[in-house]
N, C-alpha and C. Protein backbone atom coordinates (compact mmCIF):
# COMPACT_ATOMS: atom_id res chain seq x y z
N MET A 1 101.64 45.69 95.99
CA MET A 1 100.31 45.56 95.44
C MET A 1 100.28 46.27 94.08
N GLU A 2 99.57 45.66 93.15
CA GLU A 2 99.39 46.27 91.84
C GLU A 2 97.94 46.72 91.71
N VAL A 3 97.69 47.62 90.78
CA VAL A 3 96.34 48.13 90.58
C VAL A 3 95.37 46.98 90.30
N LYS A 4 95.80 46.02 89.50
CA LYS A 4 94.91 44.91 89.14
C LYS A 4 94.49 44.07 90.35
N ASP A 5 95.21 44.22 91.47
CA ASP A 5 94.89 43.46 92.68
C ASP A 5 93.86 44.16 93.57
N ILE A 6 93.47 45.37 93.23
CA ILE A 6 92.49 46.10 94.02
C ILE A 6 91.10 45.55 93.74
N ASP A 7 90.38 45.25 94.77
CA ASP A 7 89.04 44.70 94.63
C ASP A 7 88.14 45.66 93.84
N GLY A 8 87.47 45.14 92.83
CA GLY A 8 86.54 45.94 92.03
C GLY A 8 87.17 46.62 90.83
N ILE A 9 88.47 46.50 90.65
CA ILE A 9 89.16 47.12 89.51
C ILE A 9 89.05 46.21 88.29
N GLU A 10 88.70 46.80 87.17
CA GLU A 10 88.70 46.08 85.90
C GLU A 10 89.69 46.76 84.97
N ILE A 11 90.56 45.99 84.40
CA ILE A 11 91.56 46.52 83.48
C ILE A 11 90.97 46.52 82.07
N LEU A 12 90.93 47.69 81.45
CA LEU A 12 90.45 47.80 80.08
C LEU A 12 91.65 47.96 79.16
N ASP A 13 91.64 47.24 78.05
CA ASP A 13 92.76 47.40 77.12
C ASP A 13 92.39 48.41 76.04
N SER A 14 93.30 48.66 75.12
CA SER A 14 93.12 49.70 74.11
C SER A 14 91.94 49.44 73.18
N ARG A 15 91.44 48.22 73.11
CA ARG A 15 90.28 47.95 72.27
C ARG A 15 89.08 48.78 72.71
N TRP A 16 89.01 49.14 74.00
CA TRP A 16 87.90 49.93 74.50
C TRP A 16 87.90 51.34 73.91
N LEU A 17 89.01 51.73 73.32
CA LEU A 17 89.11 53.08 72.76
C LEU A 17 88.79 53.15 71.28
N ASP A 18 88.97 52.05 70.56
CA ASP A 18 88.81 52.16 69.10
C ASP A 18 88.02 51.04 68.44
N GLU A 19 87.37 50.20 69.20
CA GLU A 19 86.55 49.14 68.62
C GLU A 19 85.07 49.53 68.65
N THR A 20 84.29 48.85 67.84
CA THR A 20 82.85 49.06 67.84
C THR A 20 82.21 48.06 68.79
N PHE A 21 81.23 48.52 69.52
CA PHE A 21 80.54 47.68 70.50
C PHE A 21 79.05 47.69 70.23
N VAL A 22 78.42 46.57 70.50
CA VAL A 22 76.98 46.54 70.67
C VAL A 22 76.79 46.55 72.18
N TYR A 23 75.93 47.45 72.64
CA TYR A 23 75.74 47.56 74.09
C TYR A 23 74.27 47.34 74.43
N PHE A 24 74.06 46.89 75.64
CA PHE A 24 72.75 46.54 76.14
C PHE A 24 72.50 47.33 77.42
N LEU A 25 71.46 48.14 77.43
CA LEU A 25 71.03 48.78 78.67
C LEU A 25 70.03 47.82 79.30
N LEU A 26 70.28 47.45 80.54
CA LEU A 26 69.48 46.42 81.22
C LEU A 26 68.70 47.00 82.39
N LYS A 27 67.52 46.50 82.59
CA LYS A 27 66.72 46.81 83.78
C LYS A 27 66.33 45.48 84.39
N GLU A 28 66.82 45.22 85.59
CA GLU A 28 66.58 43.96 86.28
C GLU A 28 66.96 42.76 85.41
N GLY A 29 68.06 42.90 84.68
CA GLY A 29 68.61 41.80 83.89
C GLY A 29 68.08 41.67 82.48
N SER A 30 67.04 42.42 82.12
CA SER A 30 66.47 42.32 80.78
C SER A 30 66.83 43.55 79.95
N PRO A 31 67.16 43.35 78.67
CA PRO A 31 67.50 44.50 77.82
C PRO A 31 66.30 45.42 77.61
N VAL A 32 66.51 46.71 77.86
CA VAL A 32 65.49 47.71 77.58
C VAL A 32 65.90 48.57 76.38
N TYR A 33 67.18 48.51 76.00
CA TYR A 33 67.67 49.23 74.82
C TYR A 33 68.94 48.54 74.36
N ILE A 34 69.08 48.42 73.04
CA ILE A 34 70.29 47.86 72.44
C ILE A 34 70.77 48.83 71.38
N GLY A 35 72.05 49.12 71.40
CA GLY A 35 72.62 50.05 70.42
C GLY A 35 74.02 49.63 70.04
N LYS A 36 74.61 50.41 69.15
CA LYS A 36 76.00 50.17 68.75
C LYS A 36 76.72 51.50 68.76
N SER A 37 78.01 51.45 69.02
CA SER A 37 78.79 52.67 69.05
C SER A 37 80.28 52.38 68.93
N LYS A 38 80.97 53.28 68.27
CA LYS A 38 82.42 53.21 68.22
C LYS A 38 83.02 53.99 69.40
N ASN A 39 82.22 54.89 69.97
CA ASN A 39 82.64 55.66 71.13
C ASN A 39 81.71 55.32 72.29
N LEU A 40 81.94 54.18 72.88
CA LEU A 40 81.04 53.59 73.86
C LEU A 40 80.78 54.49 75.06
N MET A 41 81.81 55.04 75.64
CA MET A 41 81.64 55.82 76.87
C MET A 41 80.77 57.05 76.63
N THR A 42 80.99 57.75 75.53
CA THR A 42 80.19 58.93 75.22
C THR A 42 78.74 58.55 74.97
N ARG A 43 78.53 57.47 74.24
CA ARG A 43 77.17 57.04 73.91
C ARG A 43 76.40 56.64 75.17
N VAL A 44 77.04 55.92 76.05
CA VAL A 44 76.37 55.51 77.29
C VAL A 44 76.04 56.74 78.14
N LYS A 45 76.94 57.72 78.16
CA LYS A 45 76.66 58.95 78.90
C LYS A 45 75.40 59.64 78.38
N ASP A 46 75.22 59.61 77.05
CA ASP A 46 74.00 60.18 76.47
C ASP A 46 72.76 59.50 77.03
N HIS A 47 72.81 58.18 77.16
CA HIS A 47 71.67 57.45 77.69
C HIS A 47 71.44 57.74 79.17
N VAL A 48 72.50 57.90 79.93
CA VAL A 48 72.38 58.21 81.35
C VAL A 48 71.65 59.54 81.54
N ARG A 49 71.90 60.47 80.65
CA ARG A 49 71.28 61.80 80.74
C ARG A 49 69.83 61.81 80.25
N ASP A 50 69.39 60.76 79.60
CA ASP A 50 68.04 60.70 79.05
C ASP A 50 67.07 60.24 80.15
N PRO A 51 66.21 61.13 80.65
CA PRO A 51 65.32 60.77 81.75
C PRO A 51 64.26 59.73 81.36
N LYS A 52 64.06 59.51 80.07
CA LYS A 52 63.06 58.53 79.62
C LYS A 52 63.56 57.10 79.68
N LYS A 53 64.87 56.93 79.78
CA LYS A 53 65.44 55.58 79.78
C LYS A 53 65.85 55.20 81.20
N GLU A 54 65.20 54.18 81.71
CA GLU A 54 65.54 53.66 83.03
C GLU A 54 66.28 52.34 82.86
N PHE A 55 67.49 52.28 83.41
CA PHE A 55 68.27 51.05 83.38
C PHE A 55 69.20 51.02 84.58
N ASP A 56 69.59 49.80 84.97
CA ASP A 56 70.43 49.67 86.15
C ASP A 56 71.75 48.94 85.87
N GLN A 57 71.92 48.47 84.64
CA GLN A 57 73.18 47.82 84.26
C GLN A 57 73.45 48.06 82.79
N ILE A 58 74.72 47.90 82.42
CA ILE A 58 75.14 48.00 81.04
C ILE A 58 75.98 46.78 80.72
N ALA A 59 75.68 46.13 79.60
CA ALA A 59 76.48 45.00 79.12
C ALA A 59 76.99 45.37 77.73
N VAL A 60 78.14 44.84 77.37
CA VAL A 60 78.72 45.15 76.06
C VAL A 60 79.21 43.89 75.36
N LYS A 61 79.18 43.96 74.04
CA LYS A 61 79.75 42.90 73.21
C LYS A 61 80.62 43.58 72.17
N MET A 62 81.89 43.26 72.17
CA MET A 62 82.79 43.80 71.18
C MET A 62 82.50 43.13 69.85
N VAL A 63 82.42 43.92 68.78
CA VAL A 63 82.12 43.39 67.46
C VAL A 63 83.41 43.27 66.68
N HIS A 64 83.70 42.07 66.21
CA HIS A 64 84.91 41.84 65.43
C HIS A 64 84.88 42.70 64.17
N GLU A 65 86.02 43.22 63.80
CA GLU A 65 86.09 44.17 62.67
C GLU A 65 85.60 43.58 61.35
N ASP A 66 85.55 42.27 61.21
CA ASP A 66 85.09 41.65 59.96
C ASP A 66 83.57 41.52 59.90
N ILE A 67 82.88 41.83 60.97
CA ILE A 67 81.43 41.66 61.03
C ILE A 67 80.78 43.04 61.07
N PRO A 68 79.80 43.30 60.19
CA PRO A 68 79.12 44.61 60.24
C PRO A 68 78.35 44.77 61.56
N PRO A 69 78.64 45.82 62.31
CA PRO A 69 77.97 46.01 63.60
C PRO A 69 76.46 46.16 63.48
N ASP A 70 75.98 46.69 62.35
CA ASP A 70 74.53 46.82 62.15
C ASP A 70 73.84 45.46 62.22
N ILE A 71 74.48 44.45 61.67
CA ILE A 71 73.90 43.11 61.66
C ILE A 71 73.82 42.54 63.08
N VAL A 72 74.89 42.74 63.84
CA VAL A 72 74.92 42.23 65.22
C VAL A 72 73.86 42.95 66.05
N GLU A 73 73.80 44.27 65.93
CA GLU A 73 72.80 45.05 66.66
C GLU A 73 71.39 44.59 66.28
N SER A 74 71.13 44.47 64.99
CA SER A 74 69.80 44.06 64.52
C SER A 74 69.41 42.68 65.04
N PHE A 75 70.37 41.76 65.04
CA PHE A 75 70.09 40.41 65.55
C PHE A 75 69.57 40.48 66.98
N TYR A 76 70.28 41.22 67.83
CA TYR A 76 69.89 41.27 69.24
C TYR A 76 68.60 42.07 69.45
N ILE A 77 68.39 43.12 68.67
CA ILE A 77 67.14 43.87 68.78
C ILE A 77 65.96 42.97 68.43
N GLN A 78 66.10 42.20 67.35
CA GLN A 78 65.01 41.30 66.95
C GLN A 78 64.80 40.19 67.97
N HIS A 79 65.89 39.71 68.54
CA HIS A 79 65.79 38.62 69.51
C HIS A 79 65.11 39.07 70.82
N PHE A 80 65.52 40.24 71.33
CA PHE A 80 65.03 40.70 72.65
C PHE A 80 63.85 41.67 72.57
N ASP A 81 63.68 42.36 71.43
CA ASP A 81 62.60 43.34 71.27
C ASP A 81 62.53 44.31 72.45
N PRO A 82 63.63 45.05 72.72
CA PRO A 82 63.66 45.95 73.88
C PRO A 82 62.69 47.12 73.70
N PRO A 83 62.02 47.54 74.78
CA PRO A 83 60.97 48.55 74.68
C PRO A 83 61.44 49.94 74.25
N TYR A 84 62.68 50.32 74.51
CA TYR A 84 63.14 51.66 74.16
C TYR A 84 63.68 51.76 72.73
N ASN A 85 63.80 50.65 72.02
CA ASN A 85 64.26 50.69 70.63
C ASN A 85 63.07 50.97 69.71
N ASN A 86 63.09 52.12 69.05
CA ASN A 86 62.06 52.43 68.06
C ASN A 86 62.32 51.66 66.77
N ASN A 87 63.60 51.60 66.39
CA ASN A 87 64.00 50.84 65.21
C ASN A 87 64.11 49.37 65.65
N LYS A 88 63.35 48.51 65.05
CA LYS A 88 63.34 47.10 65.46
C LYS A 88 64.36 46.26 64.72
N GLY A 89 65.33 46.91 64.10
CA GLY A 89 66.41 46.16 63.45
C GLY A 89 66.08 45.78 62.02
N GLU A 90 67.14 45.56 61.26
CA GLU A 90 66.99 45.14 59.88
C GLU A 90 67.10 43.64 59.80
N GLU A 91 66.53 43.08 58.76
CA GLU A 91 66.65 41.64 58.55
C GLU A 91 68.12 41.30 58.31
N PRO A 92 68.68 40.37 59.06
CA PRO A 92 70.08 39.98 58.82
C PRO A 92 70.20 39.25 57.49
N TYR A 93 71.36 39.45 56.85
CA TYR A 93 71.60 38.75 55.59
C TYR A 93 72.68 37.72 55.73
C-alpha cells in the first residue's frame, strides 16, 4: 500500500509551498471571505483564530505567475460580494 492509496489522503505538490493562491472561506457553500496569499497555510490559520469569521470549508485557486493575484482576488470579491470582505476589490483592467 502507498500513502496515496489511503482513503482521505490528498497529495500536495511543491506548488503549495511557493505559489500564490486566491482562497475562499465558505459557509454552507457560499463565500463569506475571499483573500490572496503566498503563504496559504499561515493565512488560513489566521482566519481560523478570528472569532468573527464563521466558515466551514476552504476552497483555493492557484494563480498563474503571469496573472496579478490582486486582479483575480478583486474579480471574485466583486462577483460574490462576501460579507467579511471590507475591501470590495479594485476594478479589473
